[in-house]
């Protein structure tokens, strides 16, 4: 009887561990119980970049970094911090790159102006290439090269047959 009870307890414990691990692997979010708090966390997560994935927001990512940021946000909110205080804390800790829309300042100027600079350089390169092509005369073929090309194309024979 004792062996059977111990086996049932062991089976129940294994099922419990398996259930928790499968939920963690599936990346299911644990409900926060307070819908307002959950909405605030979600709003902040959507404006933050996952530094591991870089193309996803913290809300979209399942990386360990994003899970840590979610826990940090929740912890700060439970401490009574405002959304701006939490954002400032994260920017201080990880830099402006954690924000999907970093502020325009001297350290992020290249981030904002980079695409425009690249577009201007590409347009300038294209204009220079077009102007260079217009200025350079097209290469002329010598008489020998024309005769050789005509013979390769069979134009000589067509002239001889049509002209005679």
C-alpha atoms as a PDB file:
ATOM      1  CA  UNK A   1       0.000   0.000   0.000  1.00  0.00           C
ATOM      2  CA  UNK A   2       2.835   2.412   0.835  1.00  0.00           C
ATOM      3  CA  UNK A   3       4.597   1.677  -2.448  1.00  0.00           C
ATOM      4  CA  UNK A   4       1.410   2.366  -4.348  1.00  0.00           C
ATOM      5  CA  UNK A   5       0.848   5.703  -2.540  1.00  0.00           C
ATOM      6  CA  UNK A   6       4.465   6.713  -3.102  1.00  0.00           C
ATOM      7  CA  UNK A   7       4.151   5.839  -6.793  1.00  0.00           C
ATOM      8  CA  UNK A   8       0.988   7.946  -7.136  1.00  0.00           C
ATOM      9  CA  UNK A   9       2.678  10.906  -5.430  1.00  0.00           C
ATOM     10  CA  UNK A  10       5.711  10.558  -7.683  1.00  0.00           C
ATOM     11  CA  UNK A  11       3.487  10.358 -10.752  1.00  0.00           C
ATOM     12  CA  UNK A  12       1.553  13.458  -9.644  1.00  0.00           C
ATOM     13  CA  UNK A  13       4.805  15.357  -9.072  1.00  0.00           C
ATOM     14  CA  UNK A  14       6.158  14.365 -12.487  1.00  0.00           C
ATOM     15  CA  UNK A  15       2.945  15.437 -14.195  1.00  0.00           C
ATOM     16  CA  UNK A  16       3.085  18.768 -12.379  1.00  0.00           C
ATOM     17  CA  UNK A  17       6.696  19.394 -13.419  1.00  0.00           C
ATOM     18  CA  UNK A  18       5.946  18.339 -16.987  1.00  0.00           C
ATOM     19  CA  UNK A  19       2.940  20.686 -17.123  1.00  0.00           C
ATOM     20  CA  UNK A  20       4.954  23.653 -15.857  1.00  0.00           C
ATOM     21  CA  UNK A  21       7.864  22.999 -18.208  1.00  0.00           C
ATOM     22  CA  UNK A  22       5.628  22.625 -21.263  1.00  0.00           C
ATOM     23  CA  UNK A  23       3.883  25.916 -20.443  1.00  0.00           C
ATOM     24  CA  UNK A  24       7.270  27.610 -20.078  1.00  0.00           C
ATOM     25  CA  UNK A  25       8.510  26.162 -23.350  1.00  0.00           C
ATOM     26  CA  UNK A  26       5.386  27.271 -25.162  1.00  0.00           C
ATOM     27  CA  UNK A  27       6.089  30.822 -23.980  1.00  0.00           C
ATOM     28  CA  UNK A  28       2.629  31.269 -22.540  1.00  0.00           C
ATOM     29  CA  UNK A  29       2.303  34.451 -20.551  1.00  0.00           C
ATOM     30  CA  UNK A  30       1.180  34.187 -16.985  1.00  0.00           C
ATOM     31  CA  UNK A  31      -1.881  36.408 -16.525  1.00  0.00           C
ATOM     32  CA  UNK A  32      -1.245  39.382 -14.261  1.00  0.00           C
ATOM     33  CA  UNK A  33      -4.809  39.339 -12.875  1.00  0.00           C
ATOM     34  CA  UNK A  34      -5.115  43.133 -13.132  1.00  0.00           C
ATOM     35  CA  UNK A  35      -6.226  44.064 -16.685  1.00  0.00           C
ATOM     36  CA  UNK A  36      -5.033  47.676 -16.292  1.00  0.00           C
ATOM     37  CA  UNK A  37      -1.572  46.535 -15.208  1.00  0.00           C
ATOM     38  CA  UNK A  38      -1.485  43.998 -18.019  1.00  0.00           C
ATOM     39  CA  UNK A  39      -2.390  46.710 -20.553  1.00  0.00           C
ATOM     40  CA  UNK A  40       0.372  49.003 -19.223  1.00  0.00           C
ATOM     41  CA  UNK A  41       2.962  46.222 -19.432  1.00  0.00           C
ATOM     42  CA  UNK A  42       1.860  45.347 -22.986  1.00  0.00           C
ATOM     43  CA  UNK A  43       1.998  49.015 -24.047  1.00  0.00           C
ATOM     44  CA  UNK A  44       5.556  49.406 -22.738  1.00  0.00           C
ATOM     45  CA  UNK A  45       6.691  46.089 -24.235  1.00  0.00           C
ATOM     46  CA  UNK A  46       5.539  47.148 -27.707  1.00  0.00           C
ATOM     47  CA  UNK A  47       7.732  50.273 -27.634  1.00  0.00           C
ATOM     48  CA  UNK A  48      10.871  48.406 -26.565  1.00  0.00           C
ATOM     49  CA  UNK A  49      13.238  46.545 -28.895  1.00  0.00           C
ATOM     50  CA  UNK A  50      14.480  43.087 -27.987  1.00  0.00           C
ATOM     51  CA  UNK A  51      18.259  43.475 -28.010  1.00  0.00           C
ATOM     52  CA  UNK A  52      18.654  39.785 -28.860  1.00  0.00           C
ATOM     53  CA  UNK A  53      16.191  39.674 -31.783  1.00  0.00           C
ATOM     54  CA  UNK A  54      16.584  43.381 -32.721  1.00  0.00           C
ATOM     55  CA  UNK A  55      13.799  43.212 -35.300  1.00  0.00           C
ATOM     56  CA  UNK A  56      11.100  42.380 -32.766  1.00  0.00           C
ATOM     57  CA  UNK A  57       9.589  44.213 -29.870  1.00  0.00           C
ATOM     58  CA  UNK A  58       9.844  42.816 -26.369  1.00  0.00           C
ATOM     59  CA  UNK A  59       6.135  41.964 -26.675  1.00  0.00           C
ATOM     60  CA  UNK A  60       6.734  39.826 -29.789  1.00  0.00           C
ATOM     61  CA  UNK A  61       9.925  38.116 -28.670  1.00  0.00           C
ATOM     62  CA  UNK A  62      10.244  34.926 -26.636  1.00  0.00           C
ATOM     63  CA  UNK A  63      13.954  35.388 -25.888  1.00  0.00           C
ATOM     64  CA  UNK A  64      15.342  35.236 -22.375  1.00  0.00           C
ATOM     65  CA  UNK A  65      16.193  38.931 -22.608  1.00  0.00           C
ATOM     66  CA  UNK A  66      12.568  39.828 -23.345  1.00  0.00           C
ATOM     67  CA  UNK A  67      11.353  37.692 -20.467  1.00  0.00           C
ATOM     68  CA  UNK A  68      13.785  39.483 -18.154  1.00  0.00           C
ATOM     69  CA  UNK A  69      12.586  42.886 -19.409  1.00  0.00           C
ATOM     70  CA  UNK A  70       8.949  41.861 -18.862  1.00  0.00           C
ATOM     71  CA  UNK A  71       9.764  40.820 -15.296  1.00  0.00           C
ATOM     72  CA  UNK A  72      11.637  44.097 -14.737  1.00  0.00           C
ATOM     73  CA  UNK A  73       8.724  46.149 -16.097  1.00  0.00           C
ATOM     74  CA  UNK A  74       6.242  44.286 -13.908  1.00  0.00           C
ATOM     75  CA  UNK A  75       8.475  44.682 -10.858  1.00  0.00           C
ATOM     76  CA  UNK A  76       8.856  48.430 -11.415  1.00  0.00           C
ATOM     77  CA  UNK A  77       5.109  48.837 -11.964  1.00  0.00           C
ATOM     78  CA  UNK A  78       4.364  47.022  -8.731  1.00  0.00           C
ATOM     79  CA  UNK A  79       6.787  49.423  -7.019  1.00  0.00           C
ATOM     80  CA  UNK A  80       4.558  52.240  -8.256  1.00  0.00           C
ATOM     81  CA  UNK A  81       6.870  53.605 -10.973  1.00  0.00           C
ATOM     82  CA  UNK A  82       5.340  55.457 -13.893  1.00  0.00           C
ATOM     83  CA  UNK A  83       5.756  54.331 -17.501  1.00  0.00           C
ATOM     84  CA  UNK A  84       8.211  57.193 -18.137  1.00  0.00           C
ATOM     85  CA  UNK A  85      10.300  56.265 -15.077  1.00  0.00           C
ATOM     86  CA  UNK A  86      10.474  52.650 -16.245  1.00  0.00           C
ATOM     87  CA  UNK A  87      11.435  53.709 -19.784  1.00  0.00           C
ATOM     88  CA  UNK A  88      14.095  56.073 -18.431  1.00  0.00           C
ATOM     89  CA  UNK A  89      15.499  53.264 -16.269  1.00  0.00           C
ATOM     90  CA  UNK A  90      15.704  50.895 -19.242  1.00  0.00           C
ATOM     91  CA  UNK A  91      17.294  53.551 -21.490  1.00  0.00           C
ATOM     92  CA  UNK A  92      19.843  54.321 -18.783  1.00  0.00           C
ATOM     93  CA  UNK A  93      20.640  50.637 -18.469  1.00  0.00           C
ATOM     94  CA  UNK A  94      20.605  49.554 -22.156  1.00  0.00           C
ATOM     95  CA  UNK A  95      20.925  52.787 -24.146  1.00  0.00           C
ATOM     96  CA  UNK A  96      18.630  54.449 -26.671  1.00  0.00           C
ATOM     97  CA  UNK A  97      18.751  51.417 -28.970  1.00  0.00           C
ATOM     98  CA  UNK A  98      16.238  49.625 -26.721  1.00  0.00           C
ATOM     99  CA  UNK A  99      13.594  52.108 -27.897  1.00  0.00           C
ATOM    100  CA  UNK A 100      11.931  51.456 -31.248  1.00  0.00           C
ATOM    101  CA  UNK A 101      11.696  55.227 -31.731  1.00  0.00           C
ATOM    102  CA  UNK A 102      14.864  56.658 -30.193  1.00  0.00           C
ATOM    103  CA  UNK A 103      14.902  60.408 -29.520  1.00  0.00           C
ATOM    104  CA  UNK A 104      16.687  62.711 -31.961  1.00  0.00           C
ATOM    105  CA  UNK A 105      19.910  63.856 -30.310  1.00  0.00           C
ATOM    106  CA  UNK A 106      23.599  63.973 -31.127  1.00  0.00           C
ATOM    107  CA  UNK A 107      24.195  60.313 -30.272  1.00  0.00           C
ATOM    108  CA  UNK A 108      21.316  59.095 -32.460  1.00  0.00           C
ATOM    109  CA  UNK A 109      21.719  61.569 -35.346  1.00  0.00           C
ATOM    110  CA  UNK A 110      23.346  58.974 -37.596  1.00  0.00           C
ATOM    111  CA  UNK A 111      20.525  56.555 -36.833  1.00  0.00           C
ATOM    112  CA  UNK A 112      17.969  59.085 -38.049  1.00  0.00           C
ATOM    113  CA  UNK A 113      19.982  60.639 -40.907  1.00  0.00           C
ATOM    114  CA  UNK A 114      21.735  57.462 -42.100  1.00  0.00           C
ATOM    115  CA  UNK A 115      19.078  56.314 -44.571  1.00  0.00           C
ATOM    116  CA  UNK A 116      18.790  59.810 -46.079  1.00  0.00           C
ATOM    117  CA  UNK A 117      22.574  60.097 -46.393  1.00  0.00           C
ATOM    118  CA  UNK A 118      22.777  56.716 -48.141  1.00  0.00           C
ATOM    119  CA  UNK A 119      19.963  57.700 -50.510  1.00  0.00           C
ATOM    120  CA  UNK A 120      21.702  61.000 -51.362  1.00  0.00           C
ATOM    121  CA  UNK A 121      25.043  59.244 -51.997  1.00  0.00           C
ATOM    122  CA  UNK A 122      23.357  56.686 -54.254  1.00  0.00           C
ATOM    123  CA  UNK A 123      21.554  59.435 -56.214  1.00  0.00           C
ATOM    124  CA  UNK A 124      24.778  61.428 -56.588  1.00  0.00           C
ATOM    125  CA  UNK A 125      26.633  58.315 -57.801  1.00  0.00           C
ATOM    126  CA  UNK A 126      23.897  57.641 -60.354  1.00  0.00           C
ATOM    127  CA  UNK A 127      23.968  61.246 -61.660  1.00  0.00           C
ATOM    128  CA  UNK A 128      27.776  61.172 -61.973  1.00  0.00           C
ATOM    129  CA  UNK A 129      27.648  57.889 -63.895  1.00  0.00           C
ATOM    130  CA  UNK A 130      24.985  59.209 -66.297  1.00  0.00           C
ATOM    131  CA  UNK A 131      26.915  62.446 -66.938  1.00  0.00           C
ATOM    132  CA  UNK A 132      30.143  60.523 -67.487  1.00  0.00           C
ATOM    133  CA  UNK A 133      28.440  58.282 -70.066  1.00  0.00           C
ATOM    134  CA  UNK A 134      27.078  61.291 -71.958  1.00  0.00           C
ATOM    135  CA  UNK A 135      30.480  63.029 -72.106  1.00  0.00           C
ATOM    136  CA  UNK A 136      32.481  60.028 -73.254  1.00  0.00           C
ATOM    137  CA  UNK A 137      32.178  59.405 -76.970  1.00  0.00           C
ATOM    138  CA  UNK A 138      31.017  55.978 -77.911  1.00  0.00           C
ATOM    139  CA  UNK A 139      33.864  53.886 -79.157  1.00  0.00           C
ATOM    140  CA  UNK A 140      34.061  53.823 -82.946  1.00  0.00           C
ATOM    141  CA  UNK A 141      35.021  50.669 -84.734  1.00  0.00           C
ATOM    142  CA  UNK A 142      37.852  50.722 -87.207  1.00  0.00           C
ATOM    143  CA  UNK A 143      37.158  49.745 -90.815  1.00  0.00           C
ATOM    144  CA  UNK A 144      38.856  46.404 -90.234  1.00  0.00           C
ATOM    145  CA  UNK A 145      36.647  45.708 -87.177  1.00  0.00           C
ATOM    146  CA  UNK A 146      33.495  46.619 -89.131  1.00  0.00           C
ATOM    147  CA  UNK A 147      34.476  44.317 -92.023  1.00  0.00           C
ATOM    148  CA  UNK A 148      35.240  41.482 -89.592  1.00  0.00           C
ATOM    149  CA  UNK A 149      31.923  41.955 -87.770  1.00  0.00           C
ATOM    150  CA  UNK A 150      30.039  41.979 -91.070  1.00  0.00           C
ATOM    151  CA  UNK A 151      31.748  38.800 -92.184  1.00  0.00           C
ATOM    152  CA  UNK A 152      30.888  37.111 -88.898  1.00  0.00           C
ATOM    153  CA  UNK A 153      27.275  38.180 -89.233  1.00  0.00           C
ATOM    154  CA  UNK A 154      27.096  37.181 -92.881  1.00  0.00           C
ATOM    155  CA  UNK A 155      26.361  40.688 -94.079  1.00  0.00           C
ATOM    156  CA  UNK A 156      29.053  40.523 -96.826  1.00  0.00           C
ATOM    157  CA  UNK A 157      27.320  37.623 -98.499  1.00  0.00           C
ATOM    158  CA  UNK A 158      23.928  39.349 -98.331  1.00  0.00           C
ATOM    159  CA  UNK A 159      25.379  42.466-100.002  1.00  0.00           C
ATOM    160  CA  UNK A 160      27.104  40.393-102.681  1.00  0.00           C
ATOM    161  CA  UNK A 161      23.909  38.443-103.492  1.00  0.00           C
ATOM    162  CA  UNK A 162      21.621  41.462-103.398  1.00  0.00           C
ATOM    163  CA  UNK A 163      23.973  43.775-105.234  1.00  0.00           C
ATOM    164  CA  UNK A 164      24.753  41.395-108.170  1.00  0.00           C
END
